[in-house]
C-alpha atoms as a PDB file:
ATOM      1  CA  UNK A   1      85.642 127.333 135.064  1.00  0.00           C
ATOM      2  CA  UNK A   2      82.936 125.977 132.704  1.00  0.00           C
ATOM      3  CA  UNK A   3      80.692 129.021 133.006  1.00  0.00           C
ATOM      4  CA  UNK A   4      78.847 130.494 130.058  1.00  0.00           C
ATOM      5  CA  UNK A   5      77.688 134.062 129.569  1.00  0.00           C
ATOM      6  CA  UNK A   6      75.078 134.715 126.879  1.00  0.00           C
ATOM      7  CA  UNK A   7      73.340 137.916 125.855  1.00  0.00           C
ATOM      8  CA  UNK A   8      72.173 139.969 122.887  1.00  0.00           C
ATOM      9  CA  UNK A   9      73.766 143.320 122.142  1.00  0.00           C
ATOM     10  CA  UNK A  10      72.865 146.270 119.943  1.00  0.00           C
ATOM     11  CA  UNK A  11      75.392 149.047 119.403  1.00  0.00           C
ATOM     12  CA  UNK A  12      73.681 152.413 119.013  1.00  0.00           C
ATOM     13  CA  UNK A  13      74.972 155.405 117.097  1.00  0.00           C
ATOM     14  CA  UNK A  14      75.771 157.051 120.438  1.00  0.00           C
ATOM     15  CA  UNK A  15      77.855 153.996 121.450  1.00  0.00           C
ATOM     16  CA  UNK A  16      79.797 154.106 118.185  1.00  0.00           C
ATOM     17  CA  UNK A  17      80.476 157.852 118.413  1.00  0.00           C
ATOM     18  CA  UNK A  18      81.631 157.433 122.009  1.00  0.00           C
ATOM     19  CA  UNK A  19      83.993 154.626 120.956  1.00  0.00           C
ATOM     20  CA  UNK A  20      85.431 156.722 118.131  1.00  0.00           C
ATOM     21  CA  UNK A  21      86.002 159.741 120.388  1.00  0.00           C
ATOM     22  CA  UNK A  22      87.530 157.589 123.125  1.00  0.00           C
ATOM     23  CA  UNK A  23      89.799 155.833 120.648  1.00  0.00           C
ATOM     24  CA  UNK A  24      90.942 159.081 119.024  1.00  0.00           C
ATOM     25  CA  UNK A  25      91.395 161.342 122.033  1.00  0.00           C
ATOM     26  CA  UNK A  26      93.082 158.784 124.280  1.00  0.00           C
ATOM     27  CA  UNK A  27      96.111 158.789 121.996  1.00  0.00           C
ATOM     28  CA  UNK A  28      99.068 161.160 121.775  1.00  0.00           C
ATOM     29  CA  UNK A  29      98.066 162.286 118.277  1.00  0.00           C
ATOM     30  CA  UNK A  30      94.502 163.028 119.380  1.00  0.00           C
ATOM     31  CA  UNK A  31      95.664 165.106 122.328  1.00  0.00           C
ATOM     32  CA  UNK A  32      98.255 166.869 120.136  1.00  0.00           C
ATOM     33  CA  UNK A  33      95.506 167.778 117.667  1.00  0.00           C
ATOM     34  CA  UNK A  34      93.470 169.459 120.405  1.00  0.00           C
ATOM     35  CA  UNK A  35      96.548 171.202 121.785  1.00  0.00           C
ATOM     36  CA  UNK A  36      97.486 172.527 118.328  1.00  0.00           C
ATOM     37  CA  UNK A  37      93.960 173.832 117.788  1.00  0.00           C
ATOM     38  CA  UNK A  38      93.934 175.590 121.153  1.00  0.00           C
ATOM     39  CA  UNK A  39      97.383 177.120 120.529  1.00  0.00           C
ATOM     40  CA  UNK A  40      96.225 178.465 117.152  1.00  0.00           C
ATOM     41  CA  UNK A  41      93.069 179.946 118.671  1.00  0.00           C
ATOM     42  CA  UNK A  42      95.054 181.574 121.508  1.00  0.00           C
ATOM     43  CA  UNK A  43      97.571 182.946 118.980  1.00  0.00           C
ATOM     44  CA  UNK A  44      94.790 184.482 116.938  1.00  0.00           C
ATOM     45  CA  UNK A  45      93.353 186.186 120.050  1.00  0.00           C
ATOM     46  CA  UNK A  46      96.786 187.425 121.185  1.00  0.00           C
ATOM     47  CA  UNK A  47      97.642 188.663 117.684  1.00  0.00           C
ATOM     48  CA  UNK A  48      94.440 190.692 117.288  1.00  0.00           C
ATOM     49  CA  UNK A  49      94.993 193.614 114.939  1.00  0.00           C
ATOM     50  CA  UNK A  50      97.935 192.023 113.150  1.00  0.00           C
ATOM     51  CA  UNK A  51      98.139 190.342 109.748  1.00  0.00           C
ATOM     52  CA  UNK A  52      96.875 186.744 109.246  1.00  0.00           C
ATOM     53  CA  UNK A  53      94.970 186.641 112.540  1.00  0.00           C
ATOM     54  CA  UNK A  54      91.852 185.448 110.777  1.00  0.00           C
ATOM     55  CA  UNK A  55      93.730 182.643 109.038  1.00  0.00           C
ATOM     56  CA  UNK A  56      95.331 181.416 112.281  1.00  0.00           C
ATOM     57  CA  UNK A  57      91.954 181.510 114.045  1.00  0.00           C
ATOM     58  CA  UNK A  58      90.226 179.674 111.197  1.00  0.00           C
ATOM     59  CA  UNK A  59      92.883 176.934 111.256  1.00  0.00           C
ATOM     60  CA  UNK A  60      92.489 176.640 115.027  1.00  0.00           C
ATOM     61  CA  UNK A  61      88.723 176.280 114.816  1.00  0.00           C
ATOM     62  CA  UNK A  62      89.115 173.908 111.860  1.00  0.00           C
ATOM     63  CA  UNK A  63      91.464 171.595 113.821  1.00  0.00           C
ATOM     64  CA  UNK A  64      89.106 171.703 116.793  1.00  0.00           C
ATOM     65  CA  UNK A  65      85.771 171.210 114.996  1.00  0.00           C
ATOM     66  CA  UNK A  66      86.456 169.275 111.781  1.00  0.00           C
ATOM     67  CA  UNK A  67      87.803 166.005 113.279  1.00  0.00           C
ATOM     68  CA  UNK A  68      84.856 165.755 115.665  1.00  0.00           C
ATOM     69  CA  UNK A  69      82.281 166.532 112.977  1.00  0.00           C
ATOM     70  CA  UNK A  70      83.985 164.075 110.624  1.00  0.00           C
ATOM     71  CA  UNK A  71      83.874 161.296 113.245  1.00  0.00           C
ATOM     72  CA  UNK A  72      80.173 161.908 113.857  1.00  0.00           C
ATOM     73  CA  UNK A  73      79.384 161.811 110.128  1.00  0.00           C
ATOM     74  CA  UNK A  74      81.457 158.636 109.643  1.00  0.00           C
ATOM     75  CA  UNK A  75      79.655 156.984 112.552  1.00  0.00           C
ATOM     76  CA  UNK A  76      76.278 157.844 110.993  1.00  0.00           C
ATOM     77  CA  UNK A  77      77.386 156.316 107.670  1.00  0.00           C
ATOM     78  CA  UNK A  78      78.697 153.201 109.431  1.00  0.00           C
ATOM     79  CA  UNK A  79      75.417 152.766 111.295  1.00  0.00           C
ATOM     80  CA  UNK A  80      73.576 152.770 107.955  1.00  0.00           C
ATOM     81  CA  UNK A  81      75.971 150.536 106.035  1.00  0.00           C
ATOM     82  CA  UNK A  82      77.381 147.949 108.482  1.00  0.00           C
ATOM     83  CA  UNK A  83      74.968 145.081 109.157  1.00  0.00           C
ATOM     84  CA  UNK A  84      76.292 144.416 112.682  1.00  0.00           C
ATOM     85  CA  UNK A  85      75.087 147.869 113.712  1.00  0.00           C
ATOM     86  CA  UNK A  86      71.635 147.380 112.201  1.00  0.00           C
ATOM     87  CA  UNK A  87      70.678 144.199 114.064  1.00  0.00           C
ATOM     88  CA  UNK A  88      71.167 142.638 117.476  1.00  0.00           C
ATOM     89  CA  UNK A  89      74.237 140.452 117.827  1.00  0.00           C
ATOM     90  CA  UNK A  90      74.154 137.368 120.058  1.00  0.00           C
ATOM     91  CA  UNK A  91      77.235 136.734 122.211  1.00  0.00           C
ATOM     92  CA  UNK A  92      78.157 133.464 123.897  1.00  0.00           C
ATOM     93  CA  UNK A  93      81.270 133.628 126.030  1.00  0.00           C
ATOM     94  CA  UNK A  94      82.867 130.493 127.442  1.00  0.00           C
ATOM     95  CA  UNK A  95      86.249 128.828 127.911  1.00  0.00           C
ATOM     96  CA  UNK A  96      86.737 128.435 124.148  1.00  0.00           C
ATOM     97  CA  UNK A  97      86.325 132.159 123.464  1.00  0.00           C
ATOM     98  CA  UNK A  98      83.688 134.616 122.327  1.00  0.00           C
ATOM     99  CA  UNK A  99      81.124 133.307 119.857  1.00  0.00           C
ATOM    100  CA  UNK A 100      79.297 135.995 117.919  1.00  0.00           C
ATOM    101  CA  UNK A 101      76.110 135.200 115.990  1.00  0.00           C
ATOM    102  CA  UNK A 102      74.260 137.464 113.588  1.00  0.00           C
ATOM    103  CA  UNK A 103      71.378 135.851 111.778  1.00  0.00           C
ATOM    104  CA  UNK A 104      72.597 132.523 110.433  1.00  0.00           C
ATOM    105  CA  UNK A 105      76.306 133.459 110.598  1.00  0.00           C
ATOM    106  CA  UNK A 106      78.299 132.374 113.653  1.00  0.00           C
ATOM    107  CA  UNK A 107      81.989 132.907 114.371  1.00  0.00           C
ATOM    108  CA  UNK A 108      84.104 132.123 117.393  1.00  0.00           C
ATOM    109  CA  UNK A 109      86.967 134.343 118.422  1.00  0.00           C
ATOM    110  CA  UNK A 110      89.273 132.186 120.511  1.00  0.00           C
ATOM    111  CA  UNK A 111      90.923 133.796 123.523  1.00  0.00           C
ATOM    112  CA  UNK A 112      94.368 133.658 121.902  1.00  0.00           C
ATOM    113  CA  UNK A 113      93.127 135.846 119.024  1.00  0.00           C
ATOM    114  CA  UNK A 114      92.136 138.700 121.336  1.00  0.00           C
ATOM    115  CA  UNK A 115      94.597 141.606 121.357  1.00  0.00           C
ATOM    116  CA  UNK A 116      93.163 143.393 124.414  1.00  0.00           C
ATOM    117  CA  UNK A 117      89.996 144.228 126.307  1.00  0.00           C
ATOM    118  CA  UNK A 118      89.274 147.762 127.560  1.00  0.00           C
ATOM    119  CA  UNK A 119      86.499 149.411 129.534  1.00  0.00           C
ATOM    120  CA  UNK A 120      85.849 152.967 128.369  1.00  0.00           C
ATOM    121  CA  UNK A 121      83.284 153.905 130.993  1.00  0.00           C
ATOM    122  CA  UNK A 122      80.188 152.636 129.154  1.00  0.00           C
ATOM    123  CA  UNK A 123      81.349 149.814 126.885  1.00  0.00           C
ATOM    124  CA  UNK A 124      83.715 146.898 127.004  1.00  0.00           C
ATOM    125  CA  UNK A 125      85.768 146.942 123.818  1.00  0.00           C
ATOM    126  CA  UNK A 126      87.204 143.619 122.669  1.00  0.00           C
ATOM    127  CA  UNK A 127      90.096 144.376 120.308  1.00  0.00           C
ATOM    128  CA  UNK A 128      91.204 141.863 117.681  1.00  0.00           C
ATOM    129  CA  UNK A 129      93.873 144.295 116.399  1.00  0.00           C
ATOM    130  CA  UNK A 130      95.109 147.676 117.586  1.00  0.00           C
ATOM    131  CA  UNK A 131      92.112 149.441 115.975  1.00  0.00           C
ATOM    132  CA  UNK A 132      89.444 146.789 115.231  1.00  0.00           C
ATOM    133  CA  UNK A 133      87.161 146.007 118.124  1.00  0.00           C
ATOM    134  CA  UNK A 134      83.771 144.659 119.062  1.00  0.00           C
ATOM    135  CA  UNK A 135      81.962 147.318 121.061  1.00  0.00           C
ATOM    136  CA  UNK A 136      79.805 145.713 123.748  1.00  0.00           C
ATOM    137  CA  UNK A 137      77.772 148.181 125.820  1.00  0.00           C
ATOM    138  CA  UNK A 138      77.857 147.220 129.510  1.00  0.00           C
ATOM    139  CA  UNK A 139      74.048 147.592 129.671  1.00  0.00           C
ATOM    140  CA  UNK A 140      73.747 144.534 127.381  1.00  0.00           C
ATOM    141  CA  UNK A 141      75.718 142.170 129.655  1.00  0.00           C
ATOM    142  CA  UNK A 142      72.653 141.698 131.896  1.00  0.00           C
ATOM    143  CA  UNK A 143      74.743 142.194 135.021  1.00  0.00           C
ATOM    144  CA  UNK A 144      77.453 139.747 133.894  1.00  0.00           C
ATOM    145  CA  UNK A 145      80.126 142.266 132.795  1.00  0.00           C
ATOM    146  CA  UNK A 146      82.329 141.646 135.848  1.00  0.00           C
ATOM    147  CA  UNK A 147      81.991 137.874 135.290  1.00  0.00           C
ATOM    148  CA  UNK A 148      83.122 138.398 131.679  1.00  0.00           C
ATOM    149  CA  UNK A 149      86.176 140.379 132.777  1.00  0.00           C
ATOM    150  CA  UNK A 150      87.057 137.719 135.357  1.00  0.00           C
ATOM    151  CA  UNK A 151      86.773 135.033 132.670  1.00  0.00           C
ATOM    152  CA  UNK A 152      88.958 137.120 130.338  1.00  0.00           C
ATOM    153  CA  UNK A 153      91.585 137.468 133.077  1.00  0.00           C
ATOM    154  CA  UNK A 154      91.739 133.665 133.322  1.00  0.00           C
ATOM    155  CA  UNK A 155      92.431 133.302 129.590  1.00  0.00           C
ATOM    156  CA  UNK A 156      94.479 136.414 128.765  1.00  0.00           C
ATOM    157  CA  UNK A 157      97.662 137.972 130.093  1.00  0.00           C
ATOM    158  CA  UNK A 158      97.240 140.695 132.717  1.00  0.00           C
ATOM    159  CA  UNK A 159      98.374 143.484 130.361  1.00  0.00           C
ATOM    160  CA  UNK A 160      95.670 142.516 127.831  1.00  0.00           C
ATOM    161  CA  UNK A 161      92.758 143.198 130.188  1.00  0.00           C
ATOM    162  CA  UNK A 162      92.647 146.947 130.818  1.00  0.00           C
ATOM    163  CA  UNK A 163      89.554 147.109 132.967  1.00  0.00           C
ATOM    164  CA  UNK A 164      89.178 148.808 136.321  1.00  0.00           C
ATOM    165  CA  UNK A 165      86.949 146.235 138.033  1.00  0.00           C
ATOM    166  CA  UNK A 166      85.821 148.728 140.693  1.00  0.00           C
ATOM    167  CA  UNK A 167      84.611 151.236 138.085  1.00  0.00           C
ATOM    168  CA  UNK A 168      82.940 148.458 136.106  1.00  0.00           C
ATOM    169  CA  UNK A 169      81.175 147.093 139.181  1.00  0.00           C
ATOM    170  CA  UNK A 170      80.002 150.624 140.063  1.00  0.00           C
ATOM    171  CA  UNK A 171      78.707 151.280 136.527  1.00  0.00           C
ATOM    172  CA  UNK A 172      75.112 152.406 136.294  1.00  0.00           C
ATOM    173  CA  UNK A 173      73.331 153.311 133.043  1.00  0.00           C
END
């Protein structure tokens, strides 16, 4: 294909929190956690006037609120401590892979090292492992997000590119 896509990207705290929530609550364990919390809260309401109602309700609220608050606090700490979140990252995408530059450090992630690519509604997440990913907000692609996905489809297996092209093309900030 010989095309090249280049752009600068800056992940915001909002982008990181969104990624963390998406990653957590699009799993069976994340959904089970919410379901457990809701069951405990409903049990505490149904059991009003009986022993241990307060404890059941507190556990329900804890399971509902604590994970979310913890993810937000962790994201804030990451934004302050991880250099890739403090500065703009330059991306160059071509047939050899995705080259990421930050300051004077440059690394190329070849296509065969990519685990999967997902679109979460606002960002394209390029996973190197099941949990480690580069978060690239669609707004930073300068209108080339669909071109990137098409290039990825040429170099990766179909099951590795989990992007609804229609939703991506319709994306508006």
